[in-house]
Amino acid sequence: MSTTLTRSYRSVLREINKSSIHPPQNRNQAIKAMLRDLYEKQATVVGDLKQTLDATSTGFARDKMEMKEFVKAQRTYNELLVRYNPLHDMTPEERIKATARRVGLDKPVEYQEGDAEPGTEKP
């Protein structure tokens, strides 16, 4: 691969690795293989034509840089979501309880079938 393609490939790969939520050994290797194939095909096309700045090459570079920016934006969005929305990873039941507590209330106790009526005592 040419130097520009190699740099582009590595920067995209770095962003994909940073945004992954899985440890390195559990990541899907098909994504990396597909990305490498795309770059290798582009390198052979550019090498065969002996032109590095034709329309296909600049379009390819633009697409890959847009992909890199998209992955980076998604990672940043998820970080901000976790930081500024503390309720985002809770179950609906926990979210209701936390929202009620935020305004100074406790969630009311729900009626269960077989519970005693309020004001009556069990023998």
PDB file of N, CA and C in Angstrom:
ATOM      1  N   MET A   1       0.852  -1.183   0.000  1.00  0.00           N
ATOM      2  CA  MET A   1       0.000   0.000   0.000  1.00  0.00           C
ATOM      3  C   MET A   1       0.889   1.235   0.000  1.00  0.00           C
ATOM      4  N   SER A   2       0.369   2.276  -0.571  1.00  0.00           N
ATOM      5  CA  SER A   2       1.145   3.511  -0.563  1.00  0.00           C
ATOM      6  C   SER A   2       1.127   4.125   0.829  1.00  0.00           C
ATOM      7  N   THR A   3       1.975   5.082   1.049  1.00  0.00           N
ATOM      8  CA  THR A   3       2.100   5.684   2.369  1.00  0.00           C
ATOM      9  C   THR A   3       0.801   6.342   2.821  1.00  0.00           C
ATOM     10  N   THR A   4       0.151   7.053   1.901  1.00  0.00           N
ATOM     11  CA  THR A   4      -1.100   7.726   2.252  1.00  0.00           C
ATOM     12  C   THR A   4      -2.181   6.716   2.604  1.00  0.00           C
ATOM     13  N   LEU A   5      -2.280   5.661   1.812  1.00  0.00           N
ATOM     14  CA  LEU A   5      -3.268   4.621   2.107  1.00  0.00           C
ATOM     15  C   LEU A   5      -2.958   3.924   3.421  1.00  0.00           C
ATOM     16  N   THR A   6      -1.686   3.680   3.686  1.00  0.00           N
ATOM     17  CA  THR A   6      -1.299   3.024   4.932  1.00  0.00           C
ATOM     18  C   THR A   6      -1.668   3.882   6.134  1.00  0.00           C
ATOM     19  N   ARG A   7      -1.379   5.171   6.040  1.00  0.00           N
ATOM     20  CA  ARG A   7      -1.749   6.078   7.138  1.00  0.00           C
ATOM     21  C   ARG A   7      -3.250   6.105   7.354  1.00  0.00           C
ATOM     22  N   SER A   8      -3.974   6.196   6.261  1.00  0.00           N
ATOM     23  CA  SER A   8      -5.430   6.224   6.329  1.00  0.00           C
ATOM     24  C   SER A   8      -5.972   4.931   6.938  1.00  0.00           C
ATOM     25  N   TYR A   9      -5.452   3.792   6.501  1.00  0.00           N
ATOM     26  CA  TYR A   9      -5.866   2.491   7.018  1.00  0.00           C
ATOM     27  C   TYR A   9      -5.624   2.395   8.522  1.00  0.00           C
ATOM     28  N   ARG A  10      -4.446   2.801   8.938  1.00  0.00           N
ATOM     29  CA  ARG A  10      -4.111   2.717  10.365  1.00  0.00           C
ATOM     30  C   ARG A  10      -4.966   3.645  11.210  1.00  0.00           C
ATOM     31  N   SER A  11      -5.253   4.837  10.707  1.00  0.00           N
ATOM     32  CA  SER A  11      -6.079   5.763  11.489  1.00  0.00           C
ATOM     33  C   SER A  11      -7.510   5.254  11.623  1.00  0.00           C
ATOM     34  N   VAL A  12      -8.049   4.673  10.551  1.00  0.00           N
ATOM     35  CA  VAL A  12      -9.394   4.095  10.627  1.00  0.00           C
ATOM     36  C   VAL A  12      -9.394   2.911  11.585  1.00  0.00           C
ATOM     37  N   LEU A  13      -8.390   2.074  11.495  1.00  0.00           N
ATOM     38  CA  LEU A  13      -8.292   0.906  12.373  1.00  0.00           C
ATOM     39  C   LEU A  13      -8.167   1.316  13.840  1.00  0.00           C
ATOM     40  N   ARG A  14      -7.401   2.375  14.113  1.00  0.00           N
ATOM     41  CA  ARG A  14      -7.278   2.877  15.487  1.00  0.00           C
ATOM     42  C   ARG A  14      -8.628   3.328  16.035  1.00  0.00           C
ATOM     43  N   GLU A  15      -9.383   4.066  15.223  1.00  0.00           N
ATOM     44  CA  GLU A  15     -10.697   4.540  15.672  1.00  0.00           C
ATOM     45  C   GLU A  15     -11.644   3.382  15.930  1.00  0.00           C
ATOM     46  N   ILE A  16     -11.607   2.373  15.074  1.00  0.00           N
ATOM     47  CA  ILE A  16     -12.467   1.207  15.274  1.00  0.00           C
ATOM     48  C   ILE A  16     -12.086   0.491  16.562  1.00  0.00           C
ATOM     49  N   ASN A  17     -10.788   0.359  16.828  1.00  0.00           N
ATOM     50  CA  ASN A  17     -10.344  -0.299  18.061  1.00  0.00           C
ATOM     51  C   ASN A  17     -10.726   0.507  19.299  1.00  0.00           C
ATOM     52  N   LYS A  18     -10.630   1.834  19.229  1.00  0.00           N
ATOM     53  CA  LYS A  18     -10.990   2.672  20.377  1.00  0.00           C
ATOM     54  C   LYS A  18     -12.481   2.587  20.683  1.00  0.00           C
ATOM     55  N   SER A  19     -13.292   2.474  19.646  1.00  0.00           N
ATOM     56  CA  SER A  19     -14.735   2.505  19.855  1.00  0.00           C
ATOM     57  C   SER A  19     -15.315   1.141  20.206  1.00  0.00           C
ATOM     58  N   SER A  20     -14.511   0.100  20.144  1.00  0.00           N
ATOM     59  CA  SER A  20     -15.004  -1.237  20.443  1.00  0.00           C
ATOM     60  C   SER A  20     -15.282  -1.389  21.933  1.00  0.00           C
ATOM     61  N   ILE A  21     -16.369  -2.089  22.244  1.00  0.00           N
ATOM     62  CA  ILE A  21     -16.709  -2.314  23.649  1.00  0.00           C
ATOM     63  C   ILE A  21     -16.209  -3.671  24.128  1.00  0.00           C
ATOM     64  N   HIS A  22     -15.677  -4.472  23.209  1.00  0.00           N
ATOM     65  CA  HIS A  22     -15.189  -5.802  23.548  1.00  0.00           C
ATOM     66  C   HIS A  22     -13.674  -5.791  23.709  1.00  0.00           C
ATOM     67  N   PRO A  23     -13.148  -6.689  24.544  1.00  0.00           N
ATOM     68  CA  PRO A  23     -11.682  -6.803  24.645  1.00  0.00           C
ATOM     69  C   PRO A  23     -11.109  -7.290  23.312  1.00  0.00           C
ATOM     70  N   PRO A  24      -9.823  -7.042  23.063  1.00  0.00           N
ATOM     71  CA  PRO A  24      -9.225  -7.375  21.758  1.00  0.00           C
ATOM     72  C   PRO A  24      -9.429  -8.825  21.315  1.00  0.00           C
ATOM     73  N   GLN A  25      -9.372  -9.768  22.229  1.00  0.00           N
ATOM     74  CA  GLN A  25      -9.493 -11.170  21.826  1.00  0.00           C
ATOM     75  C   GLN A  25     -10.917 -11.548  21.425  1.00  0.00           C
ATOM     76  N   ASN A  26     -11.921 -10.749  21.838  1.00  0.00           N
ATOM     77  CA  ASN A  26     -13.320 -11.066  21.509  1.00  0.00           C
ATOM     78  C   ASN A  26     -13.885 -10.224  20.370  1.00  0.00           C
ATOM     79  N   ARG A  27     -13.077  -9.377  19.757  1.00  0.00           N
ATOM     80  CA  ARG A  27     -13.566  -8.516  18.679  1.00  0.00           C
ATOM     81  C   ARG A  27     -13.778  -9.311  17.403  1.00  0.00           C
ATOM     82  N   ASN A  28     -14.694  -8.827  16.603  1.00  0.00           N
ATOM     83  CA  ASN A  28     -14.995  -9.465  15.335  1.00  0.00           C
ATOM     84  C   ASN A  28     -13.865  -9.182  14.341  1.00  0.00           C
ATOM     85  N   GLN A  29     -13.171 -10.211  13.936  1.00  0.00           N
ATOM     86  CA  GLN A  29     -12.038 -10.057  13.026  1.00  0.00           C
ATOM     87  C   GLN A  29     -12.472  -9.834  11.581  1.00  0.00           C
ATOM     88  N   ALA A  30     -13.729 -10.120  11.279  1.00  0.00           N
ATOM     89  CA  ALA A  30     -14.225  -9.950   9.908  1.00  0.00           C
ATOM     90  C   ALA A  30     -14.207  -8.479   9.501  1.00  0.00           C
ATOM     91  N   ILE A  31     -14.449  -7.585  10.449  1.00  0.00           N
ATOM     92  CA  ILE A  31     -14.451  -6.150  10.142  1.00  0.00           C
ATOM     93  C   ILE A  31     -13.056  -5.705   9.729  1.00  0.00           C
ATOM     94  N   LYS A  32     -12.058  -6.123  10.478  1.00  0.00           N
ATOM     95  CA  LYS A  32     -10.682  -5.768  10.132  1.00  0.00           C
ATOM     96  C   LYS A  32     -10.268  -6.372   8.798  1.00  0.00           C
ATOM     97  N   ALA A  33     -10.668  -7.614   8.546  1.00  0.00           N
ATOM     98  CA  ALA A  33     -10.312  -8.271   7.288  1.00  0.00           C
ATOM     99  C   ALA A  33     -10.970  -7.566   6.105  1.00  0.00           C
ATOM    100  N   MET A  34     -12.232  -7.183   6.250  1.00  0.00           N
ATOM    101  CA  MET A  34     -12.929  -6.486   5.178  1.00  0.00           C
ATOM    102  C   MET A  34     -12.283  -5.129   4.903  1.00  0.00           C
ATOM    103  N   LEU A  35     -11.931  -4.417   5.953  1.00  0.00           N
ATOM    104  CA  LEU A  35     -11.292  -3.121   5.803  1.00  0.00           C
ATOM    105  C   LEU A  35      -9.934  -3.255   5.107  1.00  0.00           C
ATOM    106  N   ARG A  36      -9.184  -4.253   5.510  1.00  0.00           N
ATOM    107  CA  ARG A  36      -7.874  -4.482   4.877  1.00  0.00           C
ATOM    108  C   ARG A  36      -8.026  -4.835   3.394  1.00  0.00           C
ATOM    109  N   ASP A  37      -9.022  -5.663   3.075  1.00  0.00           N
ATOM    110  CA  ASP A  37      -9.269  -6.007   1.672  1.00  0.00           C
ATOM    111  C   ASP A  37      -9.607  -4.772   0.847  1.00  0.00           C
ATOM    112  N   LEU A  38     -10.434  -3.889   1.408  1.00  0.00           N
ATOM    113  CA  LEU A  38     -10.775  -2.658   0.691  1.00  0.00           C
ATOM    114  C   LEU A  38      -9.528  -1.832   0.384  1.00  0.00           C
ATOM    115  N   TYR A  39      -8.692  -1.676   1.390  1.00  0.00           N
ATOM    116  CA  TYR A  39      -7.475  -0.883   1.195  1.00  0.00           C
ATOM    117  C   TYR A  39      -6.506  -1.567   0.224  1.00  0.00           C
ATOM    118  N   GLU A  40      -6.390  -2.881   0.301  1.00  0.00           N
ATOM    119  CA  GLU A  40      -5.479  -3.582  -0.616  1.00  0.00           C
ATOM    120  C   GLU A  40      -5.972  -3.503  -2.051  1.00  0.00           C
ATOM    121  N   LYS A  41      -7.280  -3.622  -2.251  1.00  0.00           N
ATOM    122  CA  LYS A  41      -7.828  -3.473  -3.604  1.00  0.00           C
ATOM    123  C   LYS A  41      -7.551  -2.074  -4.141  1.00  0.00           C
ATOM    124  N   GLN A  42      -7.728  -1.069  -3.290  1.00  0.00           N
ATOM    125  CA  GLN A  42      -7.458   0.309  -3.714  1.00  0.00           C
ATOM    126  C   GLN A  42      -5.979   0.496  -4.047  1.00  0.00           C
ATOM    127  N   ALA A  43      -5.117  -0.134  -3.260  1.00  0.00           N
ATOM    128  CA  ALA A  43      -3.675  -0.007  -3.508  1.00  0.00           C
ATOM    129  C   ALA A  43      -3.300  -0.646  -4.844  1.00  0.00           C
ATOM    130  N   THR A  44      -3.905  -1.771  -5.182  1.00  0.00           N
ATOM    131  CA  THR A  44      -3.582  -2.402  -6.457  1.00  0.00           C
ATOM    132  C   THR A  44      -4.140  -1.598  -7.616  1.00  0.00           C
ATOM    133  N   VAL A  45      -5.326  -1.007  -7.450  1.00  0.00           N
ATOM    134  CA  VAL A  45      -5.895  -0.164  -8.509  1.00  0.00           C
ATOM    135  C   VAL A  45      -5.007   1.044  -8.741  1.00  0.00           C
ATOM    136  N   VAL A  46      -4.595   1.700  -7.669  1.00  0.00           N
ATOM    137  CA  VAL A  46      -3.727   2.877  -7.788  1.00  0.00           C
ATOM    138  C   VAL A  46      -2.373   2.469  -8.354  1.00  0.00           C
ATOM    139  N   GLY A  47      -1.835   1.333  -7.935  1.00  0.00           N
ATOM    140  CA  GLY A  47      -0.540   0.872  -8.427  1.00  0.00           C
ATOM    141  C   GLY A  47      -0.585   0.515  -9.904  1.00  0.00           C
ATOM    142  N   ASP A  48      -1.694  -0.095 -10.338  1.00  0.00           N
ATOM    143  CA  ASP A  48      -1.819  -0.468 -11.748  1.00  0.00           C
ATOM    144  C   ASP A  48      -1.959   0.749 -12.649  1.00  0.00           C
ATOM    145  N   LEU A  49      -2.661   1.750 -12.175  1.00  0.00           N
ATOM    146  CA  LEU A  49      -2.895   2.930 -13.001  1.00  0.00           C
ATOM    147  C   LEU A  49      -1.754   3.934 -12.933  1.00  0.00           C
ATOM    148  N   LYS A  50      -0.877   3.759 -11.954  1.00  0.00           N
ATOM    149  CA  LYS A  50       0.241   4.685 -11.752  1.00  0.00           C
ATOM    150  C   LYS A  50      -0.238   6.126 -11.525  1.00  0.00           C
ATOM    151  N   GLN A  51      -1.417   6.257 -10.958  1.00  0.00           N
ATOM    152  CA  GLN A  51      -1.933   7.586 -10.627  1.00  0.00           C
ATOM    153  C   GLN A  51      -2.402   7.534  -9.177  1.00  0.00           C
ATOM    154  N   THR A  52      -1.969   8.477  -8.391  1.00  0.00           N
ATOM    155  CA  THR A  52      -2.380   8.479  -6.990  1.00  0.00           C
ATOM    156  C   THR A  52      -3.492   9.476  -6.708  1.00  0.00           C
ATOM    157  N   LEU A  53      -3.757  10.373  -7.616  1.00  0.00           N
ATOM    158  CA  LEU A  53      -4.761  11.403  -7.345  1.00  0.00           C
ATOM    159  C   LEU A  53      -5.879  11.410  -8.381  1.00  0.00           C
ATOM    160  N   ASP A  54      -6.236  10.240  -8.930  1.00  0.00           N
ATOM    161  CA  ASP A  54      -7.364  10.223  -9.851  1.00  0.00           C
ATOM    162  C   ASP A  54      -8.671  10.331  -9.062  1.00  0.00           C
ATOM    163  N   ALA A  55      -9.788  10.427  -9.746  1.00  0.00           N
ATOM    164  CA  ALA A  55     -11.080  10.642  -9.085  1.00  0.00           C
ATOM    165  C   ALA A  55     -11.443   9.486  -8.167  1.00  0.00           C
ATOM    166  N   THR A  56     -11.130   8.266  -8.545  1.00  0.00           N
ATOM    167  CA  THR A  56     -11.453   7.113  -7.716  1.00  0.00           C
ATOM    168  C   THR A  56     -10.675   7.139  -6.411  1.00  0.00           C
ATOM    169  N   SER A  57      -9.410   7.478  -6.507  1.00  0.00           N
ATOM    170  CA  SER A  57      -8.556   7.498  -5.328  1.00  0.00           C
ATOM    171  C   SER A  57      -8.989   8.576  -4.334  1.00  0.00           C
ATOM    172  N   THR A  58      -9.285   9.770  -4.818  1.00  0.00           N
ATOM    173  CA  THR A  58      -9.703  10.832  -3.902  1.00  0.00           C
ATOM    174  C   THR A  58     -11.074  10.536  -3.322  1.00  0.00           C
ATOM    175  N   GLY A  59     -11.952   9.917  -4.117  1.00  0.00           N
ATOM    176  CA  GLY A  59     -13.264   9.523  -3.596  1.00  0.00           C
ATOM    177  C   GLY A  59     -13.133   8.465  -2.517  1.00  0.00           C
ATOM    178  N   PHE A  60     -12.238   7.512  -2.742  1.00  0.00           N
ATOM    179  CA  PHE A  60     -11.982   6.457  -1.764  1.00  0.00           C
ATOM    180  C   PHE A  60     -11.428   7.052  -0.473  1.00  0.00           C
ATOM    181  N   ALA A  61     -10.458   7.946  -0.602  1.00  0.00           N
ATOM    182  CA  ALA A  61      -9.862   8.572   0.583  1.00  0.00           C
ATOM    183  C   ALA A  61     -10.902   9.369   1.354  1.00  0.00           C
ATOM    184  N   ARG A  62     -11.755  10.093   0.632  1.00  0.00           N
ATOM    185  CA  ARG A  62     -12.802  10.878   1.295  1.00  0.00           C
ATOM    186  C   ARG A  62     -13.771   9.964   2.034  1.00  0.00           C
ATOM    187  N   ASP A  63     -14.182   8.863   1.387  1.00  0.00           N
ATOM    188  CA  ASP A  63     -15.098   7.918   2.028  1.00  0.00           C
ATOM    189  C   ASP A  63     -14.495   7.322   3.298  1.00  0.00           C
ATOM    190  N   LYS A  64     -13.230   6.977   3.246  1.00  0.00           N
ATOM    191  CA  LYS A  64     -12.588   6.364   4.413  1.00  0.00           C
ATOM    192  C   LYS A  64     -12.401   7.373   5.547  1.00  0.00           C
ATOM    193  N   MET A  65     -12.101   8.605   5.212  1.00  0.00           N
ATOM    194  CA  MET A  65     -11.972   9.618   6.257  1.00  0.00           C
ATOM    195  C   MET A  65     -13.340   9.931   6.875  1.00  0.00           C
ATOM    196  N   GLU A  66     -14.383   9.903   6.051  1.00  0.00           N
ATOM    197  CA  GLU A  66     -15.735  10.083   6.588  1.00  0.00           C
ATOM    198  C   GLU A  66     -16.109   8.932   7.504  1.00  0.00           C
ATOM    199  N   MET A  67     -15.702   7.710   7.142  1.00  0.00           N
ATOM    200  CA  MET A  67     -15.960   6.554   8.002  1.00  0.00           C
ATOM    201  C   MET A  67     -15.239   6.719   9.337  1.00  0.00           C
ATOM    202  N   LYS A  68     -14.003   7.181   9.284  1.00  0.00           N
ATOM    203  CA  LYS A  68     -13.224   7.403  10.506  1.00  0.00           C
ATOM    204  C   LYS A  68     -13.908   8.452  11.384  1.00  0.00           C
ATOM    205  N   GLU A  69     -14.350   9.548  10.789  1.00  0.00           N
ATOM    206  CA  GLU A  69     -15.022  10.600  11.551  1.00  0.00           C
ATOM    207  C   GLU A  69     -16.344  10.106  12.131  1.00  0.00           C
ATOM    208  N   PHE A  70     -17.063   9.269  11.395  1.00  0.00           N
ATOM    209  CA  PHE A  70     -18.323   8.723  11.888  1.00  0.00           C
ATOM    210  C   PHE A  70     -18.094   7.843  13.115  1.00  0.00           C
ATOM    211  N   VAL A  71     -17.101   6.956  13.042  1.00  0.00           N
ATOM    212  CA  VAL A  71     -16.806   6.073  14.171  1.00  0.00           C
ATOM    213  C   VAL A  71     -16.377   6.894  15.382  1.00  0.00           C
ATOM    214  N   LYS A  72     -15.582   7.920  15.145  1.00  0.00           N
ATOM    215  CA  LYS A  72     -15.136   8.785  16.243  1.00  0.00           C
ATOM    216  C   LYS A  72     -16.313   9.544  16.847  1.00  0.00           C
ATOM    217  N   ALA A  73     -17.214  10.039  16.011  1.00  0.00           N
ATOM    218  CA  ALA A  73     -18.384  10.764  16.505  1.00  0.00           C
ATOM    219  C   ALA A  73     -19.295   9.847  17.315  1.00  0.00           C
ATOM    220  N   GLN A  74     -19.460   8.612  16.874  1.00  0.00           N
ATOM    221  CA  GLN A  74     -20.283   7.660  17.625  1.00  0.00           C
ATOM    222  C   GLN A  74     -19.674   7.373  18.992  1.00  0.00           C
ATOM    223  N   ARG A  75     -18.358   7.215  19.025  1.00  0.00           N
ATOM    224  CA  ARG A  75     -17.678   6.962  20.301  1.00  0.00           C
ATOM    225  C   ARG A  75     -17.852   8.148  21.245  1.00  0.00           C
ATOM    226  N   THR A  76     -17.679   9.359  20.728  1.00  0.00           N
ATOM    227  CA  THR A  76     -17.849  10.560  21.536  1.00  0.00           C
ATOM    228  C   THR A  76     -19.284  10.688  22.022  1.00  0.00           C
ATOM    229  N   TYR A  77     -20.245  10.395  21.150  1.00  0.00           N
ATOM    230  CA  TYR A  77     -21.660  10.457  21.518  1.00  0.00           C
ATOM    231  C   TYR A  77     -21.956   9.499  22.671  1.00  0.00           C
ATOM    232  N   ASN A  78     -21.451   8.269  22.595  1.00  0.00           N
ATOM    233  CA  ASN A  78     -21.687   7.297  23.661  1.00  0.00           C
ATOM    234  C   ASN A  78     -21.047   7.733  24.975  1.00  0.00           C
ATOM    235  N   GLU A  79     -19.848   8.321  24.906  1.00  0.00           N
ATOM    236  CA  GLU A  79     -19.202   8.817  26.123  1.00  0.00           C
ATOM    237  C   GLU A  79     -20.020   9.937  26.758  1.00  0.00           C
ATOM    238  N   LEU A  80     -20.519  10.854  25.941  1.00  0.00           N
ATOM    239  CA  LEU A  80     -21.333  11.952  26.463  1.00  0.00           C
ATOM    240  C   LEU A  80     -22.659  11.455  27.004  1.00  0.00           C
ATOM    241  N   LEU A  81     -23.238  10.461  26.364  1.00  0.00           N
ATOM    242  CA  LEU A  81     -24.498   9.895  26.836  1.00  0.00           C
ATOM    243  C   LEU A  81     -24.330   9.291  28.224  1.00  0.00           C
ATOM    244  N   VAL A  82     -23.248   8.572  28.422  1.00  0.00           N
ATOM    245  CA  VAL A  82     -22.986   7.975  29.736  1.00  0.00           C
ATOM    246  C   VAL A  82     -22.721   9.066  30.772  1.00  0.00           C
ATOM    247  N   ARG A  83     -21.986  10.099  30.391  1.00  0.00           N
ATOM    248  CA  ARG A  83     -21.618  11.147  31.325  1.00  0.00           C
ATOM    249  C   ARG A  83     -22.806  12.000  31.759  1.00  0.00           C
ATOM    250  N   TYR A  84     -23.641  12.407  30.809  1.00  0.00           N
ATOM    251  CA  TYR A  84     -24.695  13.379  31.112  1.00  0.00           C
ATOM    252  C   TYR A  84     -26.090  12.784  31.239  1.00  0.00           C
ATOM    253  N   ASN A  85     -26.254  11.507  31.004  1.00  0.00           N
ATOM    254  CA  ASN A  85     -27.551  10.873  31.181  1.00  0.00           C
ATOM    255  C   ASN A  85     -27.371   9.669  32.095  1.00  0.00           C
ATOM    256  N   PRO A  86     -27.412   9.893  33.403  1.00  0.00           N
ATOM    257  CA  PRO A  86     -27.142   8.799  34.329  1.00  0.00           C
ATOM    258  C   PRO A  86     -28.210   7.705  34.312  1.00  0.00           C
ATOM    259  N   LEU A  87     -29.353   7.961  33.702  1.00  0.00           N
ATOM    260  CA  LEU A  87     -30.419   6.966  33.691  1.00  0.00           C
ATOM    261  C   LEU A  87     -30.355   6.052  32.478  1.00  0.00           C
ATOM    262  N   HIS A  88     -29.425   6.251  31.594  1.00  0.00           N
ATOM    263  CA  HIS A  88     -29.458   5.555  30.314  1.00  0.00           C
ATOM    264  C   HIS A  88     -29.205   4.047  30.393  1.00  0.00           C
ATOM    265  N   ASP A  89     -28.502   3.564  31.398  1.00  0.00           N
ATOM    266  CA  ASP A  89     -28.217   2.136  31.481  1.00  0.00           C
ATOM    267  C   ASP A  89     -29.040   1.422  32.554  1.00  0.00           C
ATOM    268  N   MET A  90     -30.137   2.043  32.972  1.00  0.00           N
ATOM    269  CA  MET A  90     -30.992   1.443  34.000  1.00  0.00           C
ATOM    270  C   MET A  90     -32.183   0.738  33.364  1.00  0.00           C
ATOM    271  N   THR A  91     -32.753  -0.174  34.133  1.00  0.00           N
ATOM    272  CA  THR A  91     -33.987  -0.820  33.695  1.00  0.00           C
ATOM    273  C   THR A  91     -35.135   0.177  33.837  1.00  0.00           C
ATOM    274  N   PRO A  92     -36.250  -0.038  33.163  1.00  0.00           N
ATOM    275  CA  PRO A  92     -37.375   0.908  33.298  1.00  0.00           C
ATOM    276  C   PRO A  92     -37.845   1.093  34.747  1.00  0.00           C
ATOM    277  N   GLU A  93     -37.826   0.032  35.514  1.00  0.00           N
ATOM    278  CA  GLU A  93     -38.241   0.123  36.921  1.00  0.00           C
ATOM    279  C   GLU A  93     -37.277   0.999  37.726  1.00  0.00           C
ATOM    280  N   GLU A  94     -35.986   0.800  37.530  1.00  0.00           N
ATOM    281  CA  GLU A  94     -34.983   1.625  38.216  1.00  0.00           C
ATOM    282  C   GLU A  94     -35.065   3.073  37.767  1.00  0.00           C
ATOM    283  N   ARG A  95     -35.339   3.287  36.485  1.00  0.00           N
ATOM    284  CA  ARG A  95     -35.433   4.642  35.943  1.00  0.00           C
ATOM    285  C   ARG A  95     -36.601   5.405  36.575  1.00  0.00           C
ATOM    286  N   ILE A  96     -37.745   4.735  36.753  1.00  0.00           N
ATOM    287  CA  ILE A  96     -38.907   5.378  37.375  1.00  0.00           C
ATOM    288  C   ILE A  96     -38.592   5.751  38.820  1.00  0.00           C
ATOM    289  N   LYS A  97     -37.969   4.833  39.537  1.00  0.00           N
ATOM    290  CA  LYS A  97     -37.611   5.084  40.937  1.00  0.00           C
ATOM    291  C   LYS A  97     -36.617   6.248  41.049  1.00  0.00           C
ATOM    292  N   ALA A  98     -35.606   6.262  40.186  1.00  0.00           N
ATOM    293  CA  ALA A  98     -34.602   7.329  40.229  1.00  0.00           C
ATOM    294  C   ALA A  98     -35.210   8.682  39.849  1.00  0.00           C
ATOM    295  N   THR A  99     -36.111   8.689  38.893  1.00  0.00           N
ATOM    296  CA  THR A  99     -36.759   9.936  38.491  1.00  0.00           C
ATOM    297  C   THR A  99     -37.623  10.475  39.618  1.00  0.00           C
ATOM    298  N   ALA A 100     -38.355   9.613  40.299  1.00  0.00           N
ATOM    299  CA  ALA A 100     -39.181  10.046  41.430  1.00  0.00           C
ATOM    300  C   ALA A 100     -38.309  10.586  42.553  1.00  0.00           C
ATOM    301  N   ARG A 101     -37.216   9.949  42.838  1.00  0.00           N
ATOM    302  CA  ARG A 101     -36.326  10.410  43.907  1.00  0.00           C
ATOM    303  C   ARG A 101     -35.682  11.739  43.566  1.00  0.00           C
ATOM    304  N   ARG A 102     -35.472  11.981  42.264  1.00  0.00           N
ATOM    305  CA  ARG A 102     -34.859  13.225  41.827  1.00  0.00           C
ATOM    306  C   ARG A 102     -35.719  14.427  42.197  1.00  0.00           C
ATOM    307  N   VAL A 103     -37.037  14.273  42.170  1.00  0.00           N
ATOM    308  CA  VAL A 103     -37.928  15.383  42.517  1.00  0.00           C
ATOM    309  C   VAL A 103     -38.385  15.308  43.965  1.00  0.00           C
ATOM    310  N   GLY A 104     -37.781  14.427  44.756  1.00  0.00           N
ATOM    311  CA  GLY A 104     -38.060  14.389  46.181  1.00  0.00           C
ATOM    312  C   GLY A 104     -39.196  13.466  46.576  1.00  0.00           C
ATOM    313  N   LEU A 105     -39.558  12.562  45.759  1.00  0.00           N
ATOM    314  CA  LEU A 105     -40.643  11.626  46.059  1.00  0.00           C
ATOM    315  C   LEU A 105     -40.105  10.207  46.109  1.00  0.00           C
ATOM    316  N   ASP A 106     -40.849   9.366  46.791  1.00  0.00           N
ATOM    317  CA  ASP A 106     -40.563   7.936  46.744  1.00  0.00           C
ATOM    318  C   ASP A 106     -41.636   7.285  45.897  1.00  0.00           C
ATOM    319  N   LYS A 107     -41.252   6.281  45.193  1.00  0.00           N
ATOM    320  CA  LYS A 107     -42.205   5.574  44.356  1.00  0.00           C
ATOM    321  C   LYS A 107     -43.208   4.881  45.266  1.00  0.00           C
ATOM    322  N   PRO A 108     -44.503   4.992  44.971  1.00  0.00           N
ATOM    323  CA  PRO A 108     -45.497   4.354  45.839  1.00  0.00           C
ATOM    324  C   PRO A 108     -45.386   2.833  45.778  1.00  0.00           C
ATOM    325  N   VAL A 109     -45.754   2.210  46.873  1.00  0.00           N
ATOM    326  CA  VAL A 109     -45.749   0.758  46.931  1.00  0.00           C
ATOM    327  C   VAL A 109     -46.935   0.262  46.109  1.00  0.00           C
ATOM    328  N   GLU A 110     -46.675  -0.634  45.203  1.00  0.00           N
ATOM    329  CA  GLU A 110     -47.739  -1.140  44.341  1.00  0.00           C
ATOM    330  C   GLU A 110     -48.536  -2.215  45.069  1.00  0.00           C
ATOM    331  N   TYR A 111     -49.822  -2.251  44.764  1.00  0.00           N
ATOM    332  CA  TYR A 111     -50.709  -3.236  45.360  1.00  0.00           C
ATOM    333  C   TYR A 111     -50.432  -4.607  44.776  1.00  0.00           C
ATOM    334  N   GLN A 112     -50.298  -5.578  45.625  1.00  0.00           N
ATOM    335  CA  GLN A 112     -50.112  -6.962  45.208  1.00  0.00           C
ATOM    336  C   GLN A 112     -51.342  -7.758  45.620  1.00  0.00           C
ATOM    337  N   GLU A 113     -51.782  -8.659  44.776  1.00  0.00           N
ATOM    338  CA  GLU A 113     -52.935  -9.503  45.077  1.00  0.00           C
ATOM    339  C   GLU A 113     -52.630 -10.305  46.340  1.00  0.00           C
ATOM    340  N   GLY A 114     -53.534 -10.283  47.294  1.00  0.00           N
ATOM    341  CA  GLY A 114     -53.330 -11.013  48.532  1.00  0.00           C
ATOM    342  C   GLY A 114     -52.800 -10.144  49.652  1.00  0.00           C
ATOM    343  N   ASP A 115     -52.420  -8.896  49.362  1.00  0.00           N
ATOM    344  CA  ASP A 115     -51.970  -7.997  50.420  1.00  0.00           C
ATOM    345  C   ASP A 115     -53.172  -7.545  51.231  1.00  0.00           C
ATOM    346  N   ALA A 116     -52.930  -7.218  52.489  1.00  0.00           N
ATOM    347  CA  ALA A 116     -54.008  -6.741  53.360  1.00  0.00           C
ATOM    348  C   ALA A 116     -54.413  -5.333  52.925  1.00  0.00           C
ATOM    349  N   GLU A 117     -55.671  -5.007  53.143  1.00  0.00           N
ATOM    350  CA  GLU A 117     -56.170  -3.665  52.855  1.00  0.00           C
ATOM    351  C   GLU A 117     -55.514  -2.679  53.808  1.00  0.00           C
ATOM    352  N   PRO A 118     -55.274  -1.449  53.349  1.00  0.00           N
ATOM    353  CA  PRO A 118     -54.697  -0.454  54.269  1.00  0.00           C
ATOM    354  C   PRO A 118     -55.618  -0.241  55.477  1.00  0.00           C
ATOM    355  N   GLY A 119     -55.034  -0.187  56.622  1.00  0.00           N
ATOM    356  CA  GLY A 119     -55.793   0.060  57.849  1.00  0.00           C
ATOM    357  C   GLY A 119     -56.225  -1.226  58.535  1.00  0.00           C
ATOM    358  N   THR A 120     -56.080  -2.348  57.859  1.00  0.00           N
ATOM    359  CA  THR A 120     -56.425  -3.622  58.517  1.00  0.00           C
ATOM    360  C   THR A 120     -55.129  -4.361  58.811  1.00  0.00           C
ATOM    361  N   GLU A 121     -55.171  -5.104  59.866  1.00  0.00           N
ATOM    362  CA  GLU A 121     -53.988  -5.849  60.264  1.00  0.00           C
ATOM    363  C   GLU A 121     -54.203  -7.343  60.048  1.00  0.00           C
ATOM    364  N   LYS A 122     -53.129  -8.039  59.754  1.00  0.00           N
ATOM    365  CA  LYS A 122     -53.197  -9.481  59.621  1.00  0.00           C
ATOM    366  C   LYS A 122     -53.183 -10.098  61.005  1.00  0.00           C
ATOM    367  N   PRO A 123     -53.974 -11.162  61.190  1.00  0.00           N
ATOM    368  CA  PRO A 123     -53.975 -11.814  62.523  1.00  0.00           C
ATOM    369  C   PRO A 123     -52.719 -12.589  62.794  1.00  0.00           C
TER     370      PRO A 123
END
